Protein backbone atom coordinates (compact mmCIF):
# COMPACT_ATOMS: atom_id res chain seq x y z
CA MET A 1 70.96 134.62 53.33
CA SER A 2 72.58 137.97 52.59
CA LEU A 3 73.87 139.74 55.69
CA ARG A 4 74.92 143.31 56.35
CA VAL A 5 78.33 143.10 57.99
CA ALA A 6 80.12 145.98 59.69
CA ILE A 7 83.81 145.54 60.49
CA GLN A 8 85.04 147.70 63.36
CA MET A 9 88.79 147.82 62.82
CA ASP A 10 91.84 150.00 62.32
CA PRO A 11 92.49 151.64 58.92
CA VAL A 12 92.23 149.10 56.11
CA GLY A 13 94.75 150.76 53.80
CA PRO A 14 98.01 149.71 55.54
CA ILE A 15 97.06 146.08 56.26
CA ASP A 16 99.06 143.12 54.95
CA ILE A 17 96.53 141.37 52.73
CA ASN A 18 98.50 138.10 52.94
CA GLY A 19 98.51 138.03 56.74
CA ASP A 20 95.57 140.03 58.06
CA SER A 21 92.78 137.87 59.49
CA SER A 22 90.19 140.65 59.28
CA PHE A 23 90.85 140.90 55.55
CA ALA A 24 90.31 137.14 55.16
CA LEU A 25 87.06 137.31 57.15
CA GLY A 26 85.85 140.20 55.00
CA LEU A 27 86.71 138.44 51.74
CA GLU A 28 84.87 135.31 52.88
CA ALA A 29 81.79 137.34 53.85
CA GLN A 30 81.83 139.04 50.47
CA ALA A 31 82.17 135.70 48.65
CA ARG A 32 79.02 134.55 50.47
CA GLY A 33 77.07 137.51 49.15
CA HIS A 34 77.17 139.57 52.33
CA SER A 35 77.60 143.35 52.10
CA LEU A 36 80.51 144.96 53.94
CA PHE A 37 80.91 148.21 55.82
CA HIS A 38 84.07 149.51 57.49
CA TYR A 39 84.28 151.94 60.38
CA LEU A 40 87.00 153.02 62.77
CA PRO A 41 86.55 152.48 66.52
CA MET A 42 86.58 156.26 67.01
CA ALA A 43 83.40 156.48 64.86
CA LEU A 44 81.38 154.45 67.37
CA THR A 45 78.75 156.73 68.97
CA TYR A 46 76.13 156.32 71.69
CA ASP A 47 73.43 159.00 71.58
CA ARG A 48 70.32 158.76 73.78
CA GLY A 49 69.97 155.01 73.46
CA ARG A 50 70.95 154.81 69.80
CA VAL A 51 74.32 153.38 68.71
CA THR A 52 75.69 154.57 65.37
CA ALA A 53 78.92 154.68 63.40
CA THR A 54 79.91 156.63 60.32
CA ALA A 55 80.93 153.82 57.98
CA HIS A 56 81.98 153.26 54.39
CA PRO A 57 80.48 150.55 52.18
CA MET A 58 83.50 148.45 51.29
CA GLU A 59 84.61 146.03 48.58
CA LEU A 60 87.72 143.90 49.04
CA ARG A 61 90.10 142.37 46.49
CA ARG A 62 93.22 140.27 46.86
CA GLU A 63 95.25 142.77 44.85
CA LYS A 64 98.26 144.22 46.61
CA GLY A 65 98.07 148.00 46.62
CA ASN A 66 94.50 147.90 45.28
CA HIS A 67 92.83 145.74 47.90
CA PHE A 68 89.79 147.84 48.81
CA THR A 69 87.29 150.36 47.54
CA PHE A 70 85.21 152.59 49.78
CA GLY A 71 81.79 153.96 48.92
CA GLU A 72 80.42 157.24 50.22
CA PRO A 73 80.26 157.35 54.03
CA ARG A 74 76.93 156.93 55.75
CA VAL A 75 75.72 156.83 59.32
CA LEU A 76 74.71 153.29 60.27
CA ASP A 77 72.31 152.50 63.07
CA LEU A 78 74.12 149.47 64.43
CA ARG A 79 70.91 147.93 65.71
CA SER A 80 68.67 148.30 62.65
CA ASP A 81 71.05 148.69 59.68
CA VAL A 82 73.47 145.84 60.45
CA ASP A 83 73.17 142.09 61.08
CA VAL A 84 76.73 141.32 62.24
CA ILE A 85 79.54 143.42 63.70
CA LEU A 86 83.08 142.04 63.67
CA MET A 87 84.96 143.75 66.51
CA ARG A 88 88.46 143.51 65.05
CA GLN A 89 90.52 146.52 66.14
CA ASP A 90 93.94 145.65 67.49
CA PRO A 91 94.75 145.96 71.19
CA PRO A 92 96.18 147.41 73.44
CA PHE A 93 93.30 146.56 75.70
CA ASP A 94 92.96 150.06 77.13
CA MET A 95 90.01 152.14 78.32
CA GLY A 96 89.12 153.00 74.71
CA TYR A 97 88.82 149.29 73.95
CA ILE A 98 86.81 148.67 77.11
CA THR A 99 84.46 151.58 76.35
CA ALA A 100 83.81 150.17 72.88
CA THR A 101 82.69 146.88 74.43
CA HIS A 102 80.28 148.75 76.72
CA ILE A 103 78.76 150.65 73.80
CA LEU A 104 78.40 147.53 71.63
CA GLU A 105 76.55 145.78 74.45
CA HIS A 106 73.62 148.09 73.62
CA VAL A 107 73.15 146.36 70.25
CA HIS A 108 74.23 142.77 71.02
CA PRO A 109 72.68 140.22 70.54
CA GLU A 110 70.00 141.91 68.36
CA THR A 111 72.96 142.66 66.13
CA LEU A 112 75.40 139.81 66.61
CA VAL A 113 78.78 141.13 67.76
CA VAL A 114 81.73 138.77 67.24
CA ASN A 115 83.14 138.22 69.76
CA ASP A 116 80.51 138.91 72.45
CA PRO A 117 81.58 142.35 73.75
CA ALA A 118 80.85 141.70 77.43
CA HIS A 119 82.93 138.55 77.42
CA VAL A 120 85.72 140.20 75.41
CA ARG A 121 85.85 142.81 78.17
CA ASN A 122 85.95 140.12 80.85
CA ALA A 123 88.52 137.96 79.07
CA PRO A 124 91.66 139.95 78.22
CA GLU A 125 94.32 137.65 76.77
CA LYS A 126 96.55 137.31 79.81
CA LEU A 127 93.77 137.11 82.42
CA LEU A 128 91.25 134.60 81.08
CA VAL A 129 94.06 132.05 80.93
CA THR A 130 94.52 132.32 84.72
CA HIS A 131 91.24 130.43 85.15
CA PHE A 132 93.12 127.36 83.93
CA PRO A 133 96.15 127.31 86.27
CA ASP A 134 96.77 123.59 85.77
CA LEU A 135 97.33 124.22 82.04
CA MET A 136 99.69 127.20 82.45
CA PRO A 137 103.37 127.64 83.20
CA GLU A 138 104.06 129.08 86.67
CA THR A 139 102.67 132.63 86.54
CA MET A 140 102.46 135.70 88.75
CA ILE A 141 100.53 138.96 88.21
CA THR A 142 101.75 141.78 90.44
CA ARG A 143 103.43 145.18 90.84
CA ASP A 144 105.26 144.02 93.97
CA ARG A 145 108.98 143.99 93.17
CA ALA A 146 109.82 141.87 96.20
CA ALA A 147 107.35 139.23 95.03
CA ILE A 148 108.91 139.28 91.55
CA ARG A 149 112.40 138.92 92.99
CA ALA A 150 111.25 135.93 95.05
CA PHE A 151 109.65 134.40 91.95
CA ARG A 152 112.88 134.82 89.99
CA LYS A 153 114.91 133.35 92.87
CA GLU A 154 112.67 130.27 92.71
CA PHE A 155 112.60 129.79 88.94
CA GLY A 156 115.74 131.51 87.63
CA ASP A 157 114.90 132.58 84.09
CA ILE A 158 111.67 134.56 83.89
CA ILE A 159 109.58 136.43 81.34
CA VAL A 160 108.16 139.83 82.28
CA LYS A 161 105.51 141.41 80.05
CA PRO A 162 102.78 144.06 80.15
CA LEU A 163 99.42 142.66 81.16
CA TYR A 164 97.50 144.32 78.34
CA GLY A 165 100.09 144.42 75.56
CA ASN A 166 100.04 142.65 72.21
CA GLY A 167 102.24 141.55 69.35
CA GLY A 168 105.20 140.76 71.58
CA ALA A 169 105.75 144.43 72.51
CA GLY A 170 107.40 144.96 75.88
CA VAL A 171 108.20 141.29 76.52
CA PHE A 172 111.49 140.78 78.39
CA HIS A 173 113.50 137.64 79.19
CA LEU A 174 115.43 138.13 82.44
CA ARG A 175 118.07 135.60 83.42
CA PRO A 176 119.07 135.04 87.08
CA GLU A 177 122.14 137.26 86.78
CA ASP A 178 120.33 140.10 84.96
CA SER A 179 120.57 143.34 86.95
CA ASN A 180 117.84 145.22 85.06
CA LEU A 181 114.74 144.08 86.97
CA ASN A 182 114.37 147.31 88.99
CA SER A 183 114.96 149.49 85.93
CA LEU A 184 112.47 147.47 83.97
CA MET A 185 109.82 147.83 86.67
CA GLU A 186 110.49 151.57 86.85
CA MET A 187 109.81 151.76 83.12
CA PHE A 188 106.55 149.78 83.40
CA GLU A 189 105.41 151.82 86.41
CA ALA A 190 106.10 155.10 84.61
CA GLN A 191 103.84 154.01 81.76
CA SER A 192 100.87 152.71 83.73
CA ARG A 193 99.50 151.66 87.10
CA GLU A 194 98.81 148.15 85.88
CA PRO A 195 100.57 145.06 87.23
CA VAL A 196 102.82 143.00 84.99
CA MET A 197 102.68 139.31 84.15
CA VAL A 198 105.67 137.25 85.23
CA GLN A 199 106.15 133.68 84.02
CA ARG A 200 108.75 130.97 84.29
CA TYR A 201 110.82 131.08 81.11
CA MET A 202 110.16 128.01 79.01
CA PRO A 203 113.19 127.00 76.91
CA GLU A 204 110.77 125.01 74.74
CA VAL A 205 109.98 128.33 73.05
CA ARG A 206 113.10 127.79 70.93
CA GLN A 207 111.10 125.04 69.18
CA GLY A 208 108.20 127.45 68.73
CA ASP A 209 105.16 129.13 70.22
CA LYS A 210 102.13 127.49 68.67
CA ARG A 211 99.01 129.45 67.70
CA ILE A 212 95.89 127.27 67.68
CA ILE A 213 92.61 128.61 66.30
CA LEU A 214 89.33 127.61 67.92
CA VAL A 215 85.98 128.29 66.27
CA ASP A 216 82.93 128.05 68.51
CA GLY A 217 85.02 126.17 71.06
CA LYS A 218 86.55 123.63 68.67
CA ALA A 219 90.19 123.47 67.54
CA VAL A 220 90.35 123.86 63.76
CA GLY A 221 93.99 124.55 62.88
CA ALA A 222 97.43 125.52 64.13
CA ILE A 223 100.69 127.10 63.11
CA ASN A 224 104.02 127.08 64.89
CA ARG A 225 105.88 130.38 65.27
CA VAL A 226 109.62 129.97 65.75
CA PRO A 227 111.58 132.89 67.24
CA ALA A 228 114.47 134.42 65.36
CA GLU A 229 118.00 133.70 66.54
CA GLY A 230 118.75 135.65 69.71
CA GLU A 231 115.07 136.55 70.21
CA ALA A 232 112.83 135.34 73.07
CA ARG A 233 109.63 136.35 71.28
CA SER A 234 108.05 134.31 68.52
CA ASN A 235 105.41 136.79 67.33
CA MET A 236 105.49 137.22 63.57
CA HIS A 237 105.37 141.01 64.14
CA VAL A 238 108.92 140.77 65.50
CA GLY A 239 110.44 138.27 63.07
CA GLY A 240 109.00 134.93 64.19
CA ARG A 241 108.98 132.33 61.40
CA PRO A 242 105.69 130.52 60.70
CA ASP A 243 106.03 126.75 60.29
CA LYS A 244 103.44 124.15 59.35
CA SER A 245 102.09 122.33 62.39
CA GLY A 246 99.37 119.95 63.43
CA ILE A 247 97.67 119.77 66.82
CA THR A 248 99.15 117.23 69.24
CA PRO A 249 97.05 115.04 71.59
CA ALA A 250 98.22 117.18 74.55
CA GLU A 251 97.12 120.34 72.74
CA HIS A 252 93.76 118.79 71.91
CA LYS A 253 93.28 118.18 75.63
CA ILE A 254 93.96 121.86 76.32
CA CYS A 255 91.39 122.86 73.68
CA GLU A 256 88.84 120.40 75.05
CA ALA A 257 89.35 121.85 78.54
CA ILE A 258 88.77 125.47 77.53
CA GLY A 259 86.41 125.01 74.57
CA PRO A 260 83.11 124.71 76.49
CA LEU A 261 83.81 127.97 78.36
CA LEU A 262 84.59 129.80 75.12
CA LYS A 263 81.41 128.55 73.46
CA GLU A 264 79.29 129.39 76.51
CA ARG A 265 80.61 132.96 76.49
CA GLY A 266 79.97 133.61 72.81
CA LEU A 267 83.68 133.72 71.95
CA ILE A 268 83.33 132.38 68.41
CA PHE A 269 86.80 133.16 67.04
CA VAL A 270 89.69 132.57 69.47
CA GLY A 271 93.43 132.03 69.13
CA ILE A 272 95.38 130.36 71.93
CA ASP A 273 99.16 130.26 72.41
CA VAL A 274 100.89 127.08 73.57
CA ILE A 275 104.58 126.61 74.40
CA GLY A 276 105.65 123.03 74.99
CA ASP A 277 102.51 121.61 76.55
CA LYS A 278 101.57 124.80 78.45
CA LEU A 279 98.83 127.32 77.64
CA THR A 280 100.20 130.89 77.81
CA GLU A 281 97.44 133.12 76.35
CA ILE A 282 93.82 133.00 75.18
CA ASN A 283 93.37 135.69 72.50
CA VAL A 284 89.77 136.89 72.09
CA THR A 285 90.14 140.54 71.06
CA SER A 286 91.50 140.33 67.51
CA PRO A 287 93.09 136.90 66.99
CA THR A 288 95.29 136.34 63.97
CA GLY A 289 96.93 133.48 62.11
CA ILE A 290 94.20 132.09 59.88
CA GLN A 291 95.83 133.01 56.55
CA GLU A 292 99.13 131.37 57.52
CA ILE A 293 97.31 128.19 58.59
CA ASP A 294 95.25 128.15 55.38
CA ARG A 295 98.37 128.35 53.23
CA TYR A 296 99.93 125.32 54.90
CA ASP A 297 96.78 123.23 55.37
CA GLY A 298 94.73 124.15 52.31
CA SER A 299 91.92 125.05 54.70
CA ASN A 300 89.47 127.93 54.86
CA LEU A 301 89.29 128.97 58.51
CA ALA A 302 87.43 132.19 57.66
CA GLY A 303 84.77 129.95 56.14
CA LEU A 304 84.49 128.01 59.41
CA VAL A 305 84.11 131.26 61.34
CA TRP A 306 81.33 132.37 59.01
CA ASP A 307 79.65 128.96 59.25
CA ALA A 308 79.51 129.46 63.02
CA ILE A 309 78.22 133.04 62.71
CA GLU A 310 75.52 132.07 60.21
CA ALA A 311 74.46 129.14 62.40
CA GLN A 312 73.84 131.58 65.28
CA LEU A 313 71.67 133.73 63.02
C-alpha cells in the first residue's frame, strides 16, 4: 500500500535530523514506499468548501546539511490528493494552531489527520492532564494572584508556567522566600489574558522528567531527561540530558489509565511527562523523543506509529 503523505510542519531546513521526530516519521514513511509532501501551516487554505495547501514533493536523507530535496510546488487538494496528513507544527497552542485544527476537520477522516484535529484542539498539553487529577501533582490553573499566594503558602516551592507554552519556555521555580511572584504575574498578564498553571514543585525532578511515548494508547518506550545543574527544567531544548530508561510498574499504571481515552479520541502519537510517579503533561500536538528512545533501545518507534496509521486505513 503506497500512501500520499502530507506533513504540515515548520520549515524543514533548520531541523536537527538526529532529534526531530517529524523527520523520523517522514523517513519511515518513505522507507515504506509512501510519497511525501511538505507544507507550512500558513499554506493551509479553506476556499468554498475545499481545503488546499501549496506543498512541495519531498525526499528525505539522513545526511547532515543535505537532508532534504524539494520538488516543484503544487497545490494539493487535501481531501482528494492526500491519504494522510501529519499535523506536526510546533506549539505555541495559539489561535493560529486552533484555526488549523478547524480547517483540517473539513478533510478528516476522509483524509486521516494524525492526530485527530478536533481532539488536538480539545486536549492542549496542560489541560487534558487535568482530567486525571489523581495521577497529577497538586495543580492550580488561574490568574488570581491571591489564589496563587495561598497555594504557595500551602506547598512552599511551586512551579509557575504558561498554560500554552512548550519546550520549557517561561517555566519558573519559585521558592517560599522568592519575592518575584507579583512581577512574574505582571509579565504573564502583559503577554496574554490566559491563566497560568501552578504546581507543587517536585524535588524528584532532579532525578529526571521522564518522557513516555504512547502509540494508539499503548506505552512503547521512554527516555529520562535530567535537568542541568542549577536548572529546574529538564527539556532537552534547554540543556536537559537524555538518559536511557525503562517504564516502571507505576508508570505502566498511568499509561493504562489514560490509554483508552487517547485511543478513543484518535490520538495515535502521544508523549506524556512523568516526574516521580506523577503525570505532569499529555503532549498531543507535536510530541518528540522517539529518536532518542530508538538510540538507547534499538527500537523503531516511527515504525510503530506507521503500523497504527496503516491499520486505520
